[in-house]
Structure formats: structure tokens, C-alpha cells
């Protein structure tokens, strides 16, 4: 997943709970920045959790987290420190970073976003990918290029879908 054995990711989750109907055959997704989320959007900061808290199986503010490689791989931690898009504490991969972090939402949404950082200092194409699901149906995905932010490669990954979704899969380089 990364050029290093320790990937640092921050999932500052911002969600818009608007639900609208659209046929599954007309799904389209677009990239959005942090300014696209309206006031009152849910923002997860993880400040109430101690460093070292296991993320696999964790539920915070109605969002459930599952890591495909099991326990001991993804925890709450202060790394990599503050970036332009991250304020610790954050979700950090400390084991095998080749897994998928699945976030199950409390209700359907049409927007999702997070700040992220990886242990690199150069531009990295496809540094992180968001894949959206409505139930088990894949409604779209986008990959994001990480840039120095300012010390670690990263940025903000935000996505909006014309079809409401209730599950998100996140991967990182």
C-alpha cells in the first residue's frame, strides 16, 4: 500500500446526510473539496478516543469501521501530526497497510470526505481511493493524487454521488 511499513492516514469524516432517489443505472460521482460540505455536516475528530484504540470493529457517532486484515493493524494515534488537512488524533495503519478500511454509515448519504497523509514526501498518484456502495452495489469510486501537505504526502479526498450510499471502502498507497 505504501513505500514504507507504516502508513499514516487521517479519516476526518465529513458526511452530508441528504438522501435523494435516482435509478442505480445513472450513478455518477465527482470529486469535492472540504468547502462543498454544508454547515452542520457530521465531522469525526476521534478526540474522545485514546491513542492505541483498535479501529477494527469500532463504532463512533454511528459510523462503524472494519479493516479487512483484522485487529492490530489500524489504531487511533497522533501520527503523522498536523498537516493542512489533518489534526490529530487520527486513524493510523501500524500493521500491514494493504487492507481495506470499510466505513458503514448510520444512514444513506450523498457526500463523504477525509483528510489523509502517507509516509512519503513527493507527489503520489492514486495515493488513496474511495469506493461507494449502496448495500452491496458499487455506485462509483475515485482515486486521489497525494501532494506534499506540507511535510507528508496527502490532501483531502472528497466524493459526491448522484446515488445515495451507506458504505464506503477506503484504500491508500
N, C-alpha and C. Protein backbone atom coordinates (compact mmCIF):
# COMPACT_ATOMS: atom_id res chain seq x y z
N UNK A 1 0.80 -1.18 0.00
CA UNK A 1 0.00 0.00 0.00
C UNK A 1 0.86 1.26 0.00
N UNK A 2 2.02 1.21 0.59
CA UNK A 2 2.89 2.39 0.65
C UNK A 2 4.34 1.98 0.52
N UNK A 3 5.18 2.94 0.29
CA UNK A 3 6.60 2.69 0.16
C UNK A 3 7.25 2.42 1.50
N UNK A 4 6.51 2.60 2.58
CA UNK A 4 7.02 2.40 3.92
C UNK A 4 6.21 1.33 4.63
N UNK A 5 6.69 0.87 5.76
CA UNK A 5 5.96 -0.13 6.51
C UNK A 5 4.90 0.49 7.40
N UNK A 6 4.86 1.79 7.50
CA UNK A 6 3.88 2.44 8.37
C UNK A 6 3.17 3.54 7.58
N UNK A 7 1.93 3.31 7.23
CA UNK A 7 1.12 4.29 6.54
C UNK A 7 0.35 5.11 7.56
N UNK A 8 0.37 6.40 7.40
CA UNK A 8 -0.39 7.25 8.29
C UNK A 8 -1.60 7.79 7.53
N UNK A 9 -2.77 7.52 8.03
CA UNK A 9 -3.98 8.01 7.41
C UNK A 9 -4.82 8.75 8.44
N UNK A 10 -5.44 9.79 8.04
CA UNK A 10 -6.39 10.51 8.91
C UNK A 10 -7.71 10.51 8.20
N UNK A 11 -8.70 9.98 8.82
CA UNK A 11 -10.02 9.96 8.24
C UNK A 11 -10.88 10.95 9.00
N UNK A 12 -10.77 12.22 8.65
CA UNK A 12 -11.62 13.24 9.24
C UNK A 12 -12.91 13.18 8.44
N UNK A 13 -13.85 12.42 8.91
CA UNK A 13 -15.02 12.09 8.13
C UNK A 13 -16.05 13.22 8.18
N UNK A 14 -16.39 13.71 7.02
CA UNK A 14 -17.41 14.74 6.90
C UNK A 14 -18.51 14.16 6.03
N UNK A 15 -19.70 14.11 6.56
CA UNK A 15 -20.79 13.46 5.84
C UNK A 15 -21.97 14.40 5.69
N UNK A 16 -22.61 14.31 4.56
CA UNK A 16 -23.86 15.02 4.34
C UNK A 16 -24.95 13.98 4.31
N UNK A 17 -25.96 14.13 5.10
CA UNK A 17 -26.99 13.12 5.23
C UNK A 17 -28.15 13.27 4.27
N UNK A 18 -28.03 14.10 3.26
CA UNK A 18 -29.13 14.26 2.32
C UNK A 18 -29.34 12.98 1.54
N UNK A 19 -30.60 12.58 1.44
CA UNK A 19 -30.94 11.38 0.69
C UNK A 19 -31.89 11.78 -0.42
N UNK A 20 -31.60 11.31 -1.59
CA UNK A 20 -32.49 11.56 -2.72
C UNK A 20 -32.53 10.29 -3.54
N UNK A 21 -33.50 10.18 -4.43
CA UNK A 21 -33.63 8.95 -5.20
C UNK A 21 -33.13 9.18 -6.61
N UNK A 22 -32.48 8.18 -7.13
CA UNK A 22 -32.01 8.16 -8.50
C UNK A 22 -31.88 6.70 -8.89
N UNK A 23 -32.17 6.37 -10.12
CA UNK A 23 -32.02 4.97 -10.52
C UNK A 23 -30.57 4.54 -10.46
N UNK A 24 -30.32 3.29 -10.03
CA UNK A 24 -28.95 2.81 -9.90
C UNK A 24 -28.18 2.84 -11.20
N UNK A 25 -28.87 2.79 -12.33
CA UNK A 25 -28.17 2.76 -13.61
C UNK A 25 -27.56 4.09 -13.99
N UNK A 26 -27.90 5.19 -13.29
CA UNK A 26 -27.40 6.50 -13.70
C UNK A 26 -26.40 7.09 -12.70
N UNK A 27 -25.71 6.24 -11.98
CA UNK A 27 -24.76 6.72 -10.97
C UNK A 27 -23.65 7.54 -11.59
N UNK A 28 -23.31 8.63 -10.91
CA UNK A 28 -22.12 9.37 -11.27
C UNK A 28 -21.53 9.95 -10.00
N UNK A 29 -20.20 9.99 -9.94
CA UNK A 29 -19.51 10.52 -8.78
C UNK A 29 -18.57 11.63 -9.23
N UNK A 30 -18.40 12.63 -8.36
CA UNK A 30 -17.48 13.73 -8.64
C UNK A 30 -16.64 13.99 -7.40
N UNK A 31 -15.48 14.54 -7.61
CA UNK A 31 -14.60 14.94 -6.53
C UNK A 31 -15.08 16.28 -5.97
N UNK A 32 -15.08 16.41 -4.63
CA UNK A 32 -15.46 17.66 -3.98
C UNK A 32 -14.42 18.02 -2.93
N UNK A 33 -14.26 19.28 -2.69
CA UNK A 33 -13.34 19.75 -1.66
C UNK A 33 -14.04 19.91 -0.34
N UNK A 34 -13.29 20.23 0.72
CA UNK A 34 -13.89 20.37 2.05
C UNK A 34 -14.94 21.48 2.11
N UNK A 35 -14.83 22.48 1.25
CA UNK A 35 -15.80 23.58 1.24
C UNK A 35 -17.16 23.19 0.69
N UNK A 36 -17.27 22.02 0.06
CA UNK A 36 -18.55 21.57 -0.50
C UNK A 36 -19.51 21.07 0.56
N UNK A 37 -18.99 20.73 1.75
CA UNK A 37 -19.83 20.18 2.81
C UNK A 37 -20.52 21.33 3.54
N UNK A 38 -21.84 21.26 3.63
CA UNK A 38 -22.57 22.37 4.26
C UNK A 38 -22.35 22.42 5.77
N UNK A 39 -22.60 23.58 6.33
CA UNK A 39 -22.54 23.73 7.79
C UNK A 39 -23.46 22.69 8.41
N UNK A 40 -23.01 22.10 9.51
CA UNK A 40 -23.80 21.08 10.18
C UNK A 40 -23.50 19.67 9.72
N UNK A 41 -22.60 19.50 8.76
CA UNK A 41 -22.20 18.16 8.34
C UNK A 41 -21.52 17.45 9.50
N UNK A 42 -21.67 16.14 9.57
CA UNK A 42 -21.03 15.36 10.62
C UNK A 42 -19.53 15.37 10.40
N UNK A 43 -18.77 15.72 11.42
CA UNK A 43 -17.32 15.69 11.35
C UNK A 43 -16.82 14.82 12.49
N UNK A 44 -16.08 13.77 12.17
CA UNK A 44 -15.49 12.89 13.17
C UNK A 44 -14.07 13.36 13.43
N UNK A 45 -13.73 13.59 14.71
CA UNK A 45 -12.39 14.06 15.04
C UNK A 45 -11.58 13.05 15.84
N UNK A 46 -12.23 12.03 16.42
CA UNK A 46 -11.59 10.98 17.22
C UNK A 46 -10.96 11.52 18.50
N UNK A 47 -11.24 12.75 18.89
CA UNK A 47 -10.63 13.34 20.08
C UNK A 47 -11.05 12.65 21.37
N UNK A 48 -12.19 11.98 21.38
CA UNK A 48 -12.66 11.30 22.58
C UNK A 48 -12.01 9.93 22.78
N UNK A 49 -11.18 9.50 21.83
CA UNK A 49 -10.57 8.17 21.89
C UNK A 49 -9.09 8.25 22.25
N UNK A 50 -8.63 7.31 23.05
CA UNK A 50 -7.23 7.25 23.46
C UNK A 50 -6.35 6.71 22.33
N UNK A 51 -5.10 7.19 22.25
CA UNK A 51 -4.15 6.61 21.32
C UNK A 51 -4.06 5.11 21.57
N UNK A 52 -3.97 4.34 20.52
CA UNK A 52 -3.88 2.89 20.62
C UNK A 52 -5.23 2.19 20.55
N UNK A 53 -6.34 2.95 20.52
CA UNK A 53 -7.67 2.33 20.41
C UNK A 53 -7.76 1.58 19.08
N UNK A 54 -8.17 0.32 19.15
CA UNK A 54 -8.35 -0.51 17.96
C UNK A 54 -9.48 0.06 17.10
N UNK A 55 -9.24 0.21 15.80
CA UNK A 55 -10.25 0.76 14.90
C UNK A 55 -11.13 -0.35 14.32
N UNK A 56 -10.57 -1.53 14.07
CA UNK A 56 -11.36 -2.63 13.52
C UNK A 56 -12.46 -2.99 14.52
N UNK A 57 -13.72 -2.84 14.11
CA UNK A 57 -14.85 -3.12 14.98
C UNK A 57 -15.34 -1.92 15.76
N UNK A 58 -14.68 -0.78 15.63
CA UNK A 58 -15.03 0.44 16.36
C UNK A 58 -16.28 1.10 15.75
N UNK A 59 -17.14 1.65 16.60
CA UNK A 59 -18.26 2.47 16.16
C UNK A 59 -18.15 3.81 16.85
N UNK A 60 -18.17 4.90 16.05
CA UNK A 60 -18.08 6.26 16.56
C UNK A 60 -19.18 7.08 15.89
N UNK A 61 -20.00 7.73 16.66
CA UNK A 61 -21.09 8.58 16.16
C UNK A 61 -21.91 7.87 15.08
N UNK A 62 -22.18 6.59 15.27
CA UNK A 62 -23.00 5.83 14.34
C UNK A 62 -22.27 5.28 13.13
N UNK A 63 -20.98 5.58 12.99
CA UNK A 63 -20.19 5.04 11.89
C UNK A 63 -19.41 3.83 12.39
N UNK A 64 -19.49 2.73 11.67
CA UNK A 64 -18.79 1.51 12.06
C UNK A 64 -17.61 1.29 11.14
N UNK A 65 -16.47 0.90 11.73
CA UNK A 65 -15.23 0.71 10.99
C UNK A 65 -14.85 -0.77 11.01
N UNK A 66 -14.41 -1.26 9.85
CA UNK A 66 -13.92 -2.64 9.74
C UNK A 66 -12.69 -2.62 8.83
N UNK A 67 -11.62 -3.28 9.29
CA UNK A 67 -10.39 -3.37 8.49
C UNK A 67 -10.27 -4.79 7.98
N UNK A 68 -10.07 -4.95 6.70
CA UNK A 68 -10.11 -6.26 6.06
C UNK A 68 -9.05 -7.23 6.59
N UNK A 69 -7.97 -6.73 7.18
CA UNK A 69 -6.90 -7.61 7.66
C UNK A 69 -7.00 -7.87 9.17
N UNK A 70 -8.08 -7.40 9.80
CA UNK A 70 -8.31 -7.73 11.20
C UNK A 70 -7.71 -6.75 12.19
N UNK A 71 -7.63 -7.20 13.46
CA UNK A 71 -7.17 -6.37 14.57
C UNK A 71 -5.66 -6.15 14.55
N UNK A 72 -5.25 -5.07 15.22
CA UNK A 72 -3.83 -4.78 15.40
C UNK A 72 -3.18 -4.09 14.22
N UNK A 73 -3.95 -3.73 13.23
CA UNK A 73 -3.39 -3.12 12.02
C UNK A 73 -3.71 -1.63 11.89
N UNK A 74 -4.85 -1.20 12.47
CA UNK A 74 -5.30 0.18 12.34
C UNK A 74 -5.77 0.64 13.72
N UNK A 75 -5.17 1.73 14.21
CA UNK A 75 -5.47 2.25 15.55
C UNK A 75 -5.64 3.77 15.50
N UNK A 76 -6.16 4.30 16.60
CA UNK A 76 -6.18 5.75 16.78
C UNK A 76 -4.81 6.16 17.29
N UNK A 77 -4.24 7.22 16.71
CA UNK A 77 -2.88 7.64 17.03
C UNK A 77 -2.72 9.11 16.69
N UNK A 78 -1.67 9.73 17.18
CA UNK A 78 -1.38 11.12 16.91
C UNK A 78 -0.57 11.36 15.65
N UNK A 79 -0.10 10.29 14.99
CA UNK A 79 0.73 10.47 13.80
C UNK A 79 -0.12 10.75 12.59
N UNK A 80 0.35 11.35 11.57
CA UNK A 80 1.69 11.88 11.36
C UNK A 80 1.89 13.26 11.94
N UNK A 81 0.93 13.72 12.71
CA UNK A 81 0.98 15.09 13.18
C UNK A 81 0.07 15.93 12.29
N UNK A 82 0.01 17.21 12.58
CA UNK A 82 -0.88 18.10 11.83
C UNK A 82 -0.35 18.30 10.42
N UNK A 83 -1.28 18.32 9.46
CA UNK A 83 -0.99 18.71 8.08
C UNK A 83 -2.04 19.75 7.71
N UNK A 84 -2.09 20.14 6.46
CA UNK A 84 -3.11 21.10 6.04
C UNK A 84 -4.51 20.50 6.14
N UNK A 85 -4.63 19.16 6.19
CA UNK A 85 -5.93 18.50 6.20
C UNK A 85 -6.14 17.57 7.38
N UNK A 86 -5.20 17.53 8.32
CA UNK A 86 -5.29 16.62 9.46
C UNK A 86 -4.96 17.35 10.75
N UNK A 87 -5.77 17.09 11.76
CA UNK A 87 -5.46 17.48 13.13
C UNK A 87 -5.60 16.23 13.98
N UNK A 88 -4.51 15.74 14.59
CA UNK A 88 -4.57 14.51 15.38
C UNK A 88 -5.57 14.65 16.54
N UNK A 89 -6.06 13.52 17.05
CA UNK A 89 -5.72 12.14 16.71
C UNK A 89 -6.39 11.70 15.41
N UNK A 90 -5.90 10.62 14.86
CA UNK A 90 -6.38 10.14 13.58
C UNK A 90 -6.28 8.62 13.51
N UNK A 91 -6.83 8.07 12.44
CA UNK A 91 -6.75 6.64 12.19
C UNK A 91 -5.42 6.38 11.50
N UNK A 92 -4.63 5.44 12.05
CA UNK A 92 -3.29 5.17 11.53
C UNK A 92 -3.12 3.68 11.28
N UNK A 93 -2.58 3.34 10.13
CA UNK A 93 -2.22 1.96 9.84
C UNK A 93 -0.86 1.69 10.44
N UNK A 94 -0.76 0.71 11.36
CA UNK A 94 0.50 0.39 12.01
C UNK A 94 0.98 -1.01 11.64
N UNK A 95 0.14 -1.78 10.99
CA UNK A 95 0.50 -3.13 10.57
C UNK A 95 0.60 -3.17 9.06
N UNK A 96 0.08 -4.22 8.48
CA UNK A 96 0.07 -4.37 7.02
C UNK A 96 -0.92 -3.36 6.45
N UNK A 97 -0.43 -2.37 5.69
CA UNK A 97 -1.32 -1.33 5.18
C UNK A 97 -2.04 -1.72 3.89
N UNK A 98 -1.97 -2.98 3.47
CA UNK A 98 -2.56 -3.39 2.20
C UNK A 98 -4.05 -3.70 2.31
N UNK A 99 -4.67 -3.44 3.45
CA UNK A 99 -6.08 -3.76 3.64
C UNK A 99 -7.01 -2.66 3.18
N UNK A 100 -8.30 -2.94 3.36
CA UNK A 100 -9.36 -2.00 3.02
C UNK A 100 -10.06 -1.60 4.32
N UNK A 101 -10.19 -0.31 4.55
CA UNK A 101 -10.95 0.19 5.68
C UNK A 101 -12.37 0.47 5.18
N UNK A 102 -13.34 -0.27 5.72
CA UNK A 102 -14.74 -0.08 5.35
C UNK A 102 -15.43 0.71 6.45
N UNK A 103 -16.14 1.75 6.03
CA UNK A 103 -16.91 2.58 6.95
C UNK A 103 -18.38 2.38 6.59
N UNK A 104 -19.14 1.85 7.53
CA UNK A 104 -20.58 1.69 7.33
C UNK A 104 -21.26 2.88 7.99
N UNK A 105 -22.06 3.59 7.22
CA UNK A 105 -22.72 4.80 7.69
C UNK A 105 -24.00 4.47 8.44
N UNK A 106 -24.41 5.37 9.31
CA UNK A 106 -25.64 5.18 10.09
C UNK A 106 -26.88 5.32 9.21
N UNK A 107 -26.77 6.09 8.12
CA UNK A 107 -27.87 6.27 7.17
C UNK A 107 -27.27 6.56 5.80
N UNK A 108 -28.11 6.62 4.81
CA UNK A 108 -27.63 6.90 3.46
C UNK A 108 -27.16 8.34 3.36
N UNK A 109 -26.15 8.57 2.53
CA UNK A 109 -25.58 9.90 2.33
C UNK A 109 -25.25 10.07 0.86
N UNK A 110 -24.94 11.30 0.46
CA UNK A 110 -24.51 11.53 -0.92
C UNK A 110 -23.12 12.17 -0.99
N UNK A 111 -22.50 12.46 0.18
CA UNK A 111 -21.14 13.04 0.22
C UNK A 111 -20.33 12.39 1.32
N UNK A 112 -19.03 12.31 1.07
CA UNK A 112 -18.11 11.73 2.06
C UNK A 112 -16.74 12.31 1.80
N UNK A 113 -15.98 12.57 2.86
CA UNK A 113 -14.63 13.08 2.65
C UNK A 113 -13.76 12.90 3.87
N UNK A 114 -12.44 12.97 3.67
CA UNK A 114 -11.49 12.84 4.77
C UNK A 114 -10.14 13.42 4.37
N UNK A 115 -9.41 13.91 5.37
CA UNK A 115 -8.03 14.30 5.18
C UNK A 115 -7.17 13.06 5.31
N UNK A 116 -6.08 13.00 4.56
CA UNK A 116 -5.20 11.82 4.62
C UNK A 116 -3.74 12.23 4.45
N UNK A 117 -2.86 11.37 4.94
CA UNK A 117 -1.42 11.56 4.77
C UNK A 117 -0.78 10.19 4.69
N UNK A 118 0.27 10.08 3.90
CA UNK A 118 1.04 8.85 3.80
C UNK A 118 2.51 9.18 4.02
N UNK A 119 3.28 8.18 4.42
CA UNK A 119 4.71 8.40 4.67
C UNK A 119 5.45 8.50 3.36
N UNK A 120 5.44 9.68 2.83
CA UNK A 120 6.13 9.99 1.59
C UNK A 120 6.25 11.50 1.57
N UNK A 121 7.15 12.04 0.78
CA UNK A 121 7.31 13.49 0.72
C UNK A 121 7.16 14.01 -0.70
N UNK A 122 6.80 13.13 -1.64
CA UNK A 122 6.66 13.52 -3.04
C UNK A 122 5.22 13.30 -3.50
N UNK A 123 4.89 13.82 -4.67
CA UNK A 123 3.58 13.58 -5.25
C UNK A 123 3.39 12.08 -5.50
N UNK A 124 2.21 11.54 -5.14
CA UNK A 124 1.91 10.12 -5.33
C UNK A 124 0.55 9.99 -6.02
N UNK A 125 0.54 9.58 -7.30
CA UNK A 125 -0.75 9.33 -7.97
C UNK A 125 -1.48 8.18 -7.26
N UNK A 126 -2.79 8.26 -7.24
CA UNK A 126 -3.62 7.21 -6.63
C UNK A 126 -3.20 6.93 -5.19
N UNK A 127 -2.91 7.98 -4.44
CA UNK A 127 -2.49 7.82 -3.04
C UNK A 127 -3.59 7.24 -2.18
N UNK A 128 -4.84 7.56 -2.48
CA UNK A 128 -5.98 7.00 -1.76
C UNK A 128 -7.15 6.86 -2.72
N UNK A 129 -8.01 5.90 -2.45
CA UNK A 129 -9.19 5.65 -3.28
C UNK A 129 -10.41 5.49 -2.39
N UNK A 130 -11.51 6.10 -2.81
CA UNK A 130 -12.81 5.96 -2.15
C UNK A 130 -13.71 5.17 -3.08
N UNK A 131 -14.33 4.10 -2.57
CA UNK A 131 -15.33 3.34 -3.33
C UNK A 131 -16.62 3.34 -2.53
N UNK A 132 -17.71 3.73 -3.19
CA UNK A 132 -19.02 3.87 -2.53
C UNK A 132 -19.92 2.69 -2.85
N UNK A 133 -20.74 2.30 -1.85
CA UNK A 133 -21.68 1.19 -2.02
C UNK A 133 -23.05 1.58 -1.50
N UNK A 134 -24.07 1.20 -2.25
CA UNK A 134 -25.45 1.25 -1.79
C UNK A 134 -25.83 -0.20 -1.54
N UNK A 135 -25.84 -0.59 -0.27
CA UNK A 135 -25.96 -2.02 0.05
C UNK A 135 -24.71 -2.70 -0.47
N UNK A 136 -24.88 -3.67 -1.36
CA UNK A 136 -23.72 -4.36 -1.94
C UNK A 136 -23.40 -3.86 -3.35
N UNK A 137 -24.17 -2.89 -3.84
CA UNK A 137 -23.97 -2.37 -5.19
C UNK A 137 -22.94 -1.25 -5.21
N UNK A 138 -21.87 -1.44 -5.98
CA UNK A 138 -20.85 -0.41 -6.15
C UNK A 138 -21.45 0.71 -6.99
N UNK A 139 -21.50 1.93 -6.41
CA UNK A 139 -22.08 3.06 -7.14
C UNK A 139 -21.01 4.00 -7.68
N UNK A 140 -19.73 3.72 -7.44
CA UNK A 140 -18.68 4.52 -8.03
C UNK A 140 -17.47 4.65 -7.13
N UNK A 141 -16.36 5.08 -7.72
CA UNK A 141 -15.13 5.29 -6.96
C UNK A 141 -14.29 6.36 -7.62
N UNK A 142 -13.42 6.96 -6.81
CA UNK A 142 -12.45 7.94 -7.29
C UNK A 142 -11.13 7.73 -6.57
N UNK A 143 -10.04 7.98 -7.27
CA UNK A 143 -8.71 7.96 -6.68
C UNK A 143 -8.18 9.38 -6.63
N UNK A 144 -7.32 9.65 -5.65
CA UNK A 144 -6.81 10.99 -5.42
C UNK A 144 -5.29 10.99 -5.39
N UNK A 145 -4.71 11.98 -6.03
CA UNK A 145 -3.26 12.16 -6.03
C UNK A 145 -2.85 12.90 -4.77
N UNK A 146 -1.90 12.34 -4.03
CA UNK A 146 -1.37 13.00 -2.84
C UNK A 146 -0.24 13.93 -3.21
N UNK A 147 -0.19 15.07 -2.54
CA UNK A 147 0.88 16.05 -2.75
C UNK A 147 1.45 16.42 -1.38
N UNK A 148 2.66 16.97 -1.32
CA UNK A 148 3.19 17.40 -0.03
C UNK A 148 2.20 18.34 0.68
N UNK A 149 1.87 18.01 1.95
CA UNK A 149 0.77 18.68 2.64
C UNK A 149 1.12 19.06 4.07
N UNK A 150 2.05 19.83 4.46
CA UNK A 150 3.21 20.25 3.69
C UNK A 150 4.37 19.26 3.79
N UNK A 151 4.49 18.51 4.89
CA UNK A 151 5.62 17.61 5.07
C UNK A 151 5.36 16.22 4.53
N UNK A 152 4.17 15.69 4.79
CA UNK A 152 3.80 14.37 4.32
C UNK A 152 2.92 14.50 3.08
N UNK A 153 2.99 13.52 2.21
CA UNK A 153 2.11 13.48 1.05
C UNK A 153 0.70 13.20 1.52
N UNK A 154 -0.25 13.93 0.99
CA UNK A 154 -1.64 13.72 1.36
C UNK A 154 -2.54 14.76 0.75
N UNK A 155 -3.61 15.06 1.47
CA UNK A 155 -4.58 16.03 0.99
C UNK A 155 -5.95 15.75 1.55
N UNK A 156 -6.96 16.20 0.82
CA UNK A 156 -8.35 15.94 1.18
C UNK A 156 -8.97 15.14 0.05
N UNK A 157 -9.62 14.05 0.40
CA UNK A 157 -10.34 13.22 -0.57
C UNK A 157 -11.82 13.37 -0.28
N UNK A 158 -12.56 13.98 -1.19
CA UNK A 158 -13.99 14.15 -1.02
C UNK A 158 -14.72 13.67 -2.26
N UNK A 159 -15.89 13.07 -2.06
CA UNK A 159 -16.64 12.49 -3.17
C UNK A 159 -18.12 12.77 -2.97
N UNK A 160 -18.81 13.01 -4.08
CA UNK A 160 -20.26 13.18 -4.07
C UNK A 160 -20.85 12.26 -5.11
N UNK A 161 -21.99 11.64 -4.79
CA UNK A 161 -22.62 10.67 -5.67
C UNK A 161 -24.06 11.08 -5.98
N UNK A 162 -24.49 10.77 -7.19
CA UNK A 162 -25.89 11.01 -7.55
C UNK A 162 -26.79 9.93 -6.98
N UNK A 163 -26.20 8.86 -6.47
CA UNK A 163 -26.95 7.78 -5.82
C UNK A 163 -26.53 7.74 -4.35
N UNK A 164 -27.49 7.75 -3.44
CA UNK A 164 -27.15 7.64 -2.02
C UNK A 164 -26.41 6.34 -1.72
N UNK A 165 -25.50 6.40 -0.78
CA UNK A 165 -24.69 5.22 -0.40
C UNK A 165 -24.69 5.10 1.11
N UNK A 166 -24.42 3.87 1.59
CA UNK A 166 -24.39 3.66 3.04
C UNK A 166 -23.13 2.92 3.50
N UNK A 167 -22.20 2.71 2.58
CA UNK A 167 -20.94 2.06 2.93
C UNK A 167 -19.84 2.62 2.03
N UNK A 168 -18.65 2.78 2.62
CA UNK A 168 -17.52 3.36 1.91
C UNK A 168 -16.30 2.51 2.17
N UNK A 169 -15.55 2.19 1.11
CA UNK A 169 -14.29 1.48 1.26
C UNK A 169 -13.15 2.42 0.95
N UNK A 170 -12.14 2.47 1.84
CA UNK A 170 -11.00 3.37 1.69
C UNK A 170 -9.72 2.55 1.58
N UNK A 171 -8.90 2.89 0.60
CA UNK A 171 -7.58 2.28 0.47
C UNK A 171 -6.56 3.40 0.31
N UNK A 172 -5.32 3.06 0.59
CA UNK A 172 -4.24 4.03 0.47
C UNK A 172 -2.99 3.34 -0.06
N UNK A 173 -2.16 4.11 -0.73
CA UNK A 173 -0.89 3.59 -1.25
C UNK A 173 0.07 3.37 -0.11
